[in-house]
Amino acid sequence: MKKNIGTINSMVRITGGLTLLAYSIAKMAKEKPSGSQLFVSMMGAQKVAEGIVHYCPLIDAAGLENTKIAK
C-alpha cells in the first residue's frame, strides 16, 4: 500500500479518531449502546487506522493523490 496522506493529515486523523472513540465509548458506558453510537465508534476506529498507515481508500478511489503532501 502506497502512502497517500501526509504526516500532518495523519496526525489530525488519529487525533480526531481517538476523540470520536472516546466520546462514543463514554456515551455507551452511560446508556445502552445504540446504532448511532456504534457507527460513530467504527468511524473513529477507521480514522485512527487511516492515520496509522498513512492511507485513505477514499482519496485513492477519487484519484486525489498528491505526492508533495504524502511525503
PDB file of N, CA and C in Angstrom:
ATOM      1  N   MET A   1       0.843  -1.169   0.000  1.00  0.00           N
ATOM      2  CA  MET A   1       0.000   0.000   0.000  1.00  0.00           C
ATOM      3  C   MET A   1       0.895   1.241   0.000  1.00  0.00           C
ATOM      4  N   LYS A   2       0.586   2.150  -0.881  1.00  0.00           N
ATOM      5  CA  LYS A   2       1.363   3.372  -1.021  1.00  0.00           C
ATOM      6  C   LYS A   2       0.753   4.480  -0.165  1.00  0.00           C
ATOM      7  N   LYS A   3       1.592   5.275   0.485  1.00  0.00           N
ATOM      8  CA  LYS A   3       1.093   6.394   1.287  1.00  0.00           C
ATOM      9  C   LYS A   3       0.417   7.416   0.386  1.00  0.00           C
ATOM     10  N   ASN A   4      -0.759   7.879   0.799  1.00  0.00           N
ATOM     11  CA  ASN A   4      -1.424   8.928   0.025  1.00  0.00           C
ATOM     12  C   ASN A   4      -1.918  10.080   0.897  1.00  0.00           C
ATOM     13  N   ILE A   5      -1.533  10.090   2.176  1.00  0.00           N
ATOM     14  CA  ILE A   5      -1.801  11.243   3.030  1.00  0.00           C
ATOM     15  C   ILE A   5      -0.509  11.604   3.760  1.00  0.00           C
ATOM     16  N   GLY A   6      -0.356  12.869   4.078  1.00  0.00           N
ATOM     17  CA  GLY A   6       0.860  13.350   4.707  1.00  0.00           C
ATOM     18  C   GLY A   6       0.872  13.141   6.212  1.00  0.00           C
ATOM     19  N   THR A   7       1.967  13.554   6.817  1.00  0.00           N
ATOM     20  CA  THR A   7       2.156  13.359   8.244  1.00  0.00           C
ATOM     21  C   THR A   7       1.183  14.200   9.073  1.00  0.00           C
ATOM     22  N   ILE A   8       1.007  15.450   8.704  1.00  0.00           N
ATOM     23  CA  ILE A   8       0.083  16.316   9.460  1.00  0.00           C
ATOM     24  C   ILE A   8      -1.350  15.802   9.318  1.00  0.00           C
ATOM     25  N   ASN A   9      -1.741  15.434   8.104  1.00  0.00           N
ATOM     26  CA  ASN A   9      -3.068  14.867   7.875  1.00  0.00           C
ATOM     27  C   ASN A   9      -3.247  13.596   8.700  1.00  0.00           C
ATOM     28  N   SER A  10      -2.203  12.796   8.777  1.00  0.00           N
ATOM     29  CA  SER A  10      -2.247  11.566   9.548  1.00  0.00           C
ATOM     30  C   SER A  10      -2.463  11.849  11.029  1.00  0.00           C
ATOM     31  N   MET A  11      -1.751  12.824  11.559  1.00  0.00           N
ATOM     32  CA  MET A  11      -1.893  13.164  12.977  1.00  0.00           C
ATOM     33  C   MET A  11      -3.278  13.725  13.283  1.00  0.00           C
ATOM     34  N   VAL A  12      -3.827  14.507  12.362  1.00  0.00           N
ATOM     35  CA  VAL A  12      -5.183  15.035  12.540  1.00  0.00           C
ATOM     36  C   VAL A  12      -6.200  13.900  12.539  1.00  0.00           C
ATOM     37  N   ARG A  13      -6.005  12.926  11.651  1.00  0.00           N
ATOM     38  CA  ARG A  13      -6.922  11.778  11.603  1.00  0.00           C
ATOM     39  C   ARG A  13      -6.850  10.945  12.878  1.00  0.00           C
ATOM     40  N   ILE A  14      -5.652  10.736  13.398  1.00  0.00           N
ATOM     41  CA  ILE A  14      -5.510   9.968  14.632  1.00  0.00           C
ATOM     42  C   ILE A  14      -6.164  10.704  15.796  1.00  0.00           C
ATOM     43  N   THR A  15      -5.920  12.003  15.907  1.00  0.00           N
ATOM     44  CA  THR A  15      -6.499  12.792  16.992  1.00  0.00           C
ATOM     45  C   THR A  15      -8.026  12.824  16.910  1.00  0.00           C
ATOM     46  N   GLY A  16      -8.542  13.075  15.718  1.00  0.00           N
ATOM     47  CA  GLY A  16      -9.995  13.096  15.549  1.00  0.00           C
ATOM     48  C   GLY A  16     -10.628  11.740  15.789  1.00  0.00           C
ATOM     49  N   GLY A  17      -9.968  10.696  15.330  1.00  0.00           N
ATOM     50  CA  GLY A  17     -10.490   9.340  15.530  1.00  0.00           C
ATOM     51  C   GLY A  17     -10.520   8.951  16.996  1.00  0.00           C
ATOM     52  N   LEU A  18      -9.455   9.280  17.730  1.00  0.00           N
ATOM     53  CA  LEU A  18      -9.439   8.971  19.159  1.00  0.00           C
ATOM     54  C   LEU A  18     -10.486   9.787  19.912  1.00  0.00           C
ATOM     55  N   THR A  19     -10.733  11.014  19.467  1.00  0.00           N
ATOM     56  CA  THR A  19     -11.773  11.837  20.081  1.00  0.00           C
ATOM     57  C   THR A  19     -13.147  11.207  19.864  1.00  0.00           C
ATOM     58  N   LEU A  20     -13.415  10.774  18.641  1.00  0.00           N
ATOM     59  CA  LEU A  20     -14.695  10.113  18.350  1.00  0.00           C
ATOM     60  C   LEU A  20     -14.847   8.822  19.150  1.00  0.00           C
ATOM     61  N   LEU A  21     -13.776   8.046  19.254  1.00  0.00           N
ATOM     62  CA  LEU A  21     -13.834   6.805  20.030  1.00  0.00           C
ATOM     63  C   LEU A  21     -14.113   7.082  21.499  1.00  0.00           C
ATOM     64  N   ALA A  22     -13.418   8.045  22.067  1.00  0.00           N
ATOM     65  CA  ALA A  22     -13.616   8.362  23.481  1.00  0.00           C
ATOM     66  C   ALA A  22     -15.042   8.838  23.741  1.00  0.00           C
ATOM     67  N   TYR A  23     -15.548   9.688  22.853  1.00  0.00           N
ATOM     68  CA  TYR A  23     -16.919  10.194  23.007  1.00  0.00           C
ATOM     69  C   TYR A  23     -17.937   9.057  22.946  1.00  0.00           C
ATOM     70  N   SER A  24     -17.810   8.207  21.936  1.00  0.00           N
ATOM     71  CA  SER A  24     -18.805   7.145  21.776  1.00  0.00           C
ATOM     72  C   SER A  24     -18.709   6.106  22.884  1.00  0.00           C
ATOM     73  N   ILE A  25     -17.510   5.800  23.354  1.00  0.00           N
ATOM     74  CA  ILE A  25     -17.366   4.831  24.442  1.00  0.00           C
ATOM     75  C   ILE A  25     -17.941   5.397  25.739  1.00  0.00           C
ATOM     76  N   ALA A  26     -17.716   6.680  25.979  1.00  0.00           N
ATOM     77  CA  ALA A  26     -18.286   7.306  27.181  1.00  0.00           C
ATOM     78  C   ALA A  26     -19.809   7.299  27.138  1.00  0.00           C
ATOM     79  N   LYS A  27     -20.372   7.581  25.962  1.00  0.00           N
ATOM     80  CA  LYS A  27     -21.839   7.556  25.828  1.00  0.00           C
ATOM     81  C   LYS A  27     -22.379   6.143  26.016  1.00  0.00           C
ATOM     82  N   MET A  28     -21.670   5.151  25.470  1.00  0.00           N
ATOM     83  CA  MET A  28     -22.142   3.768  25.605  1.00  0.00           C
ATOM     84  C   MET A  28     -21.991   3.259  27.030  1.00  0.00           C
ATOM     85  N   ALA A  29     -21.062   3.798  27.795  1.00  0.00           N
ATOM     86  CA  ALA A  29     -20.900   3.382  29.191  1.00  0.00           C
ATOM     87  C   ALA A  29     -22.055   3.891  30.045  1.00  0.00           C
ATOM     88  N   LYS A  30     -22.602   5.063  29.694  1.00  0.00           N
ATOM     89  CA  LYS A  30     -23.705   5.642  30.465  1.00  0.00           C
ATOM     90  C   LYS A  30     -25.055   5.044  30.077  1.00  0.00           C
ATOM     91  N   GLU A  31     -25.246   4.808  28.782  1.00  0.00           N
ATOM     92  CA  GLU A  31     -26.540   4.365  28.260  1.00  0.00           C
ATOM     93  C   GLU A  31     -26.376   3.050  27.524  1.00  0.00           C
ATOM     94  N   LYS A  32     -27.506   2.482  27.154  1.00  0.00           N
ATOM     95  CA  LYS A  32     -27.472   1.284  26.326  1.00  0.00           C
ATOM     96  C   LYS A  32     -26.953   1.675  24.944  1.00  0.00           C
ATOM     97  N   PRO A  33     -26.001   0.911  24.381  1.00  0.00           N
ATOM     98  CA  PRO A  33     -25.448   1.265  23.069  1.00  0.00           C
ATOM     99  C   PRO A  33     -26.530   1.285  21.984  1.00  0.00           C
ATOM    100  N   SER A  34     -26.526   2.360  21.214  1.00  0.00           N
ATOM    101  CA  SER A  34     -27.458   2.458  20.094  1.00  0.00           C
ATOM    102  C   SER A  34     -26.688   2.297  18.788  1.00  0.00           C
ATOM    103  N   GLY A  35     -27.400   2.199  17.710  1.00  0.00           N
ATOM    104  CA  GLY A  35     -26.772   2.037  16.409  1.00  0.00           C
ATOM    105  C   GLY A  35     -25.917   3.227  16.017  1.00  0.00           C
ATOM    106  N   SER A  36     -26.358   4.427  16.361  1.00  0.00           N
ATOM    107  CA  SER A  36     -25.584   5.616  16.000  1.00  0.00           C
ATOM    108  C   SER A  36     -24.274   5.689  16.782  1.00  0.00           C
ATOM    109  N   GLN A  37     -24.290   5.288  18.047  1.00  0.00           N
ATOM    110  CA  GLN A  37     -23.062   5.300  18.834  1.00  0.00           C
ATOM    111  C   GLN A  37     -22.074   4.252  18.321  1.00  0.00           C
ATOM    112  N   LEU A  38     -22.571   3.119  17.919  1.00  0.00           N
ATOM    113  CA  LEU A  38     -21.694   2.094  17.338  1.00  0.00           C
ATOM    114  C   LEU A  38     -21.102   2.574  16.016  1.00  0.00           C
ATOM    115  N   PHE A  39     -21.906   3.271  15.217  1.00  0.00           N
ATOM    116  CA  PHE A  39     -21.424   3.811  13.953  1.00  0.00           C
ATOM    117  C   PHE A  39     -20.325   4.846  14.183  1.00  0.00           C
ATOM    118  N   VAL A  40     -20.517   5.729  15.159  1.00  0.00           N
ATOM    119  CA  VAL A  40     -19.509   6.748  15.470  1.00  0.00           C
ATOM    120  C   VAL A  40     -18.220   6.082  15.939  1.00  0.00           C
ATOM    121  N   SER A  41     -18.315   5.045  16.743  1.00  0.00           N
ATOM    122  CA  SER A  41     -17.106   4.372  17.213  1.00  0.00           C
ATOM    123  C   SER A  41     -16.385   3.666  16.065  1.00  0.00           C
ATOM    124  N   MET A  42     -17.117   3.093  15.129  1.00  0.00           N
ATOM    125  CA  MET A  42     -16.477   2.462  13.970  1.00  0.00           C
ATOM    126  C   MET A  42     -15.806   3.495  13.075  1.00  0.00           C
ATOM    127  N   MET A  43     -16.441   4.641  12.888  1.00  0.00           N
ATOM    128  CA  MET A  43     -15.825   5.688  12.073  1.00  0.00           C
ATOM    129  C   MET A  43     -14.566   6.233  12.753  1.00  0.00           C
ATOM    130  N   GLY A  44     -14.602   6.368  14.057  1.00  0.00           N
ATOM    131  CA  GLY A  44     -13.421   6.808  14.788  1.00  0.00           C
ATOM    132  C   GLY A  44     -12.275   5.818  14.659  1.00  0.00           C
ATOM    133  N   ALA A  45     -12.596   4.534  14.767  1.00  0.00           N
ATOM    134  CA  ALA A  45     -11.562   3.496  14.622  1.00  0.00           C
ATOM    135  C   ALA A  45     -10.990   3.499  13.212  1.00  0.00           C
ATOM    136  N   GLN A  46     -11.832   3.738  12.217  1.00  0.00           N
ATOM    137  CA  GLN A  46     -11.359   3.804  10.834  1.00  0.00           C
ATOM    138  C   GLN A  46     -10.397   4.969  10.649  1.00  0.00           C
ATOM    139  N   LYS A  47     -10.710   6.113  11.224  1.00  0.00           N
ATOM    140  CA  LYS A  47      -9.836   7.284  11.096  1.00  0.00           C
ATOM    141  C   LYS A  47      -8.496   7.051  11.791  1.00  0.00           C
ATOM    142  N   VAL A  48      -8.503   6.388  12.928  1.00  0.00           N
ATOM    143  CA  VAL A  48      -7.251   6.066  13.609  1.00  0.00           C
ATOM    144  C   VAL A  48      -6.408   5.141  12.737  1.00  0.00           C
ATOM    145  N   ALA A  49      -7.035   4.136  12.155  1.00  0.00           N
ATOM    146  CA  ALA A  49      -6.311   3.194  11.291  1.00  0.00           C
ATOM    147  C   ALA A  49      -5.746   3.898  10.057  1.00  0.00           C
ATOM    148  N   GLU A  50      -6.528   4.790   9.448  1.00  0.00           N
ATOM    149  CA  GLU A  50      -6.036   5.540   8.288  1.00  0.00           C
ATOM    150  C   GLU A  50      -4.834   6.391   8.662  1.00  0.00           C
ATOM    151  N   GLY A  51      -4.865   6.996   9.835  1.00  0.00           N
ATOM    152  CA  GLY A  51      -3.750   7.817  10.273  1.00  0.00           C
ATOM    153  C   GLY A  51      -2.500   7.000  10.542  1.00  0.00           C
ATOM    154  N   ILE A  52      -2.662   5.813  11.090  1.00  0.00           N
ATOM    155  CA  ILE A  52      -1.507   4.975  11.408  1.00  0.00           C
ATOM    156  C   ILE A  52      -0.813   4.479  10.142  1.00  0.00           C
ATOM    157  N   VAL A  53      -1.585   4.063   9.141  1.00  0.00           N
ATOM    158  CA  VAL A  53      -0.982   3.501   7.926  1.00  0.00           C
ATOM    159  C   VAL A  53      -0.751   4.538   6.831  1.00  0.00           C
ATOM    160  N   HIS A  54      -1.165   5.790   7.055  1.00  0.00           N
ATOM    161  CA  HIS A  54      -0.984   6.888   6.074  1.00  0.00           C
ATOM    162  C   HIS A  54      -1.653   6.563   4.731  1.00  0.00           C
ATOM    163  N   TYR A  55      -2.799   5.947   4.789  1.00  0.00           N
ATOM    164  CA  TYR A  55      -3.506   5.580   3.565  1.00  0.00           C
ATOM    165  C   TYR A  55      -5.001   5.777   3.760  1.00  0.00           C
ATOM    166  N   CYS A  56      -5.629   6.482   2.812  1.00  0.00           N
ATOM    167  CA  CYS A  56      -7.071   6.690   2.829  1.00  0.00           C
ATOM    168  C   CYS A  56      -7.657   6.097   1.551  1.00  0.00           C
ATOM    169  N   PRO A  57      -8.532   5.101   1.664  1.00  0.00           N
ATOM    170  CA  PRO A  57      -9.099   4.490   0.464  1.00  0.00           C
ATOM    171  C   PRO A  57      -9.972   5.441  -0.356  1.00  0.00           C
ATOM    172  N   LEU A  58     -10.632   6.403   0.282  1.00  0.00           N
ATOM    173  CA  LEU A  58     -11.463   7.346  -0.467  1.00  0.00           C
ATOM    174  C   LEU A  58     -10.625   8.282  -1.321  1.00  0.00           C
ATOM    175  N   ILE A  59      -9.492   8.729  -0.795  1.00  0.00           N
ATOM    176  CA  ILE A  59      -8.595   9.577  -1.585  1.00  0.00           C
ATOM    177  C   ILE A  59      -8.039   8.789  -2.758  1.00  0.00           C
ATOM    178  N   ASP A  60      -7.718   7.529  -2.523  1.00  0.00           N
ATOM    179  CA  ASP A  60      -7.203   6.677  -3.597  1.00  0.00           C
ATOM    180  C   ASP A  60      -8.262   6.449  -4.672  1.00  0.00           C
ATOM    181  N   ALA A  61      -9.508   6.204  -4.260  1.00  0.00           N
ATOM    182  CA  ALA A  61     -10.586   5.959  -5.220  1.00  0.00           C
ATOM    183  C   ALA A  61     -10.899   7.203  -6.035  1.00  0.00           C
ATOM    184  N   ALA A  62     -10.796   8.377  -5.416  1.00  0.00           N
ATOM    185  CA  ALA A  62     -11.093   9.622  -6.123  1.00  0.00           C
ATOM    186  C   ALA A  62      -9.920  10.086  -6.971  1.00  0.00           C
ATOM    187  N   GLY A  63      -8.760   9.482  -6.787  1.00  0.00           N
ATOM    188  CA  GLY A  63      -7.587   9.860  -7.569  1.00  0.00           C
ATOM    189  C   GLY A  63      -7.011  11.208  -7.177  1.00  0.00           C
ATOM    190  N   LEU A  64      -7.103  11.562  -5.890  1.00  0.00           N
ATOM    191  CA  LEU A  64      -6.646  12.857  -5.412  1.00  0.00           C
ATOM    192  C   LEU A  64      -5.240  12.799  -4.819  1.00  0.00           C
ATOM    193  N   GLU A  65      -4.471  11.800  -5.176  1.00  0.00           N
ATOM    194  CA  GLU A  65      -3.149  11.631  -4.613  1.00  0.00           C
ATOM    195  C   GLU A  65      -2.247  12.805  -4.959  1.00  0.00           C
ATOM    196  N   ASN A  66      -1.585  13.345  -3.960  1.00  0.00           N
ATOM    197  CA  ASN A  66      -0.669  14.457  -4.151  1.00  0.00           C
ATOM    198  C   ASN A  66       0.669  14.046  -3.538  1.00  0.00           C
ATOM    199  N   THR A  67       1.687  13.833  -4.370  1.00  0.00           N
ATOM    200  CA  THR A  67       2.953  13.313  -3.888  1.00  0.00           C
ATOM    201  C   THR A  67       3.690  14.310  -3.011  1.00  0.00           C
ATOM    202  N   LYS A  68       3.459  15.608  -3.174  1.00  0.00           N
ATOM    203  CA  LYS A  68       4.110  16.590  -2.302  1.00  0.00           C
ATOM    204  C   LYS A  68       3.600  16.468  -0.874  1.00  0.00           C
ATOM    205  N   ILE A  69       2.310  16.234  -0.717  1.00  0.00           N
ATOM    206  CA  ILE A  69       1.705  16.151   0.602  1.00  0.00           C
ATOM    207  C   ILE A  69       2.004  14.801   1.262  1.00  0.00           C
ATOM    208  N   ALA A  70       2.098  13.739   0.503  1.00  0.00           N
ATOM    209  CA  ALA A  70       2.234  12.399   1.061  1.00  0.00           C
ATOM    210  C   ALA A  70       3.650  12.043   1.466  1.00  0.00           C
ATOM    211  N   LYS A  71       4.565  12.991   1.469  1.00  0.00           N
ATOM    212  CA  LYS A  71       5.952  12.677   1.864  1.00  0.00           C
ATOM    213  C   LYS A  71       6.104  12.506   3.342  1.00  0.00           C
TER     214      LYS A  71
END
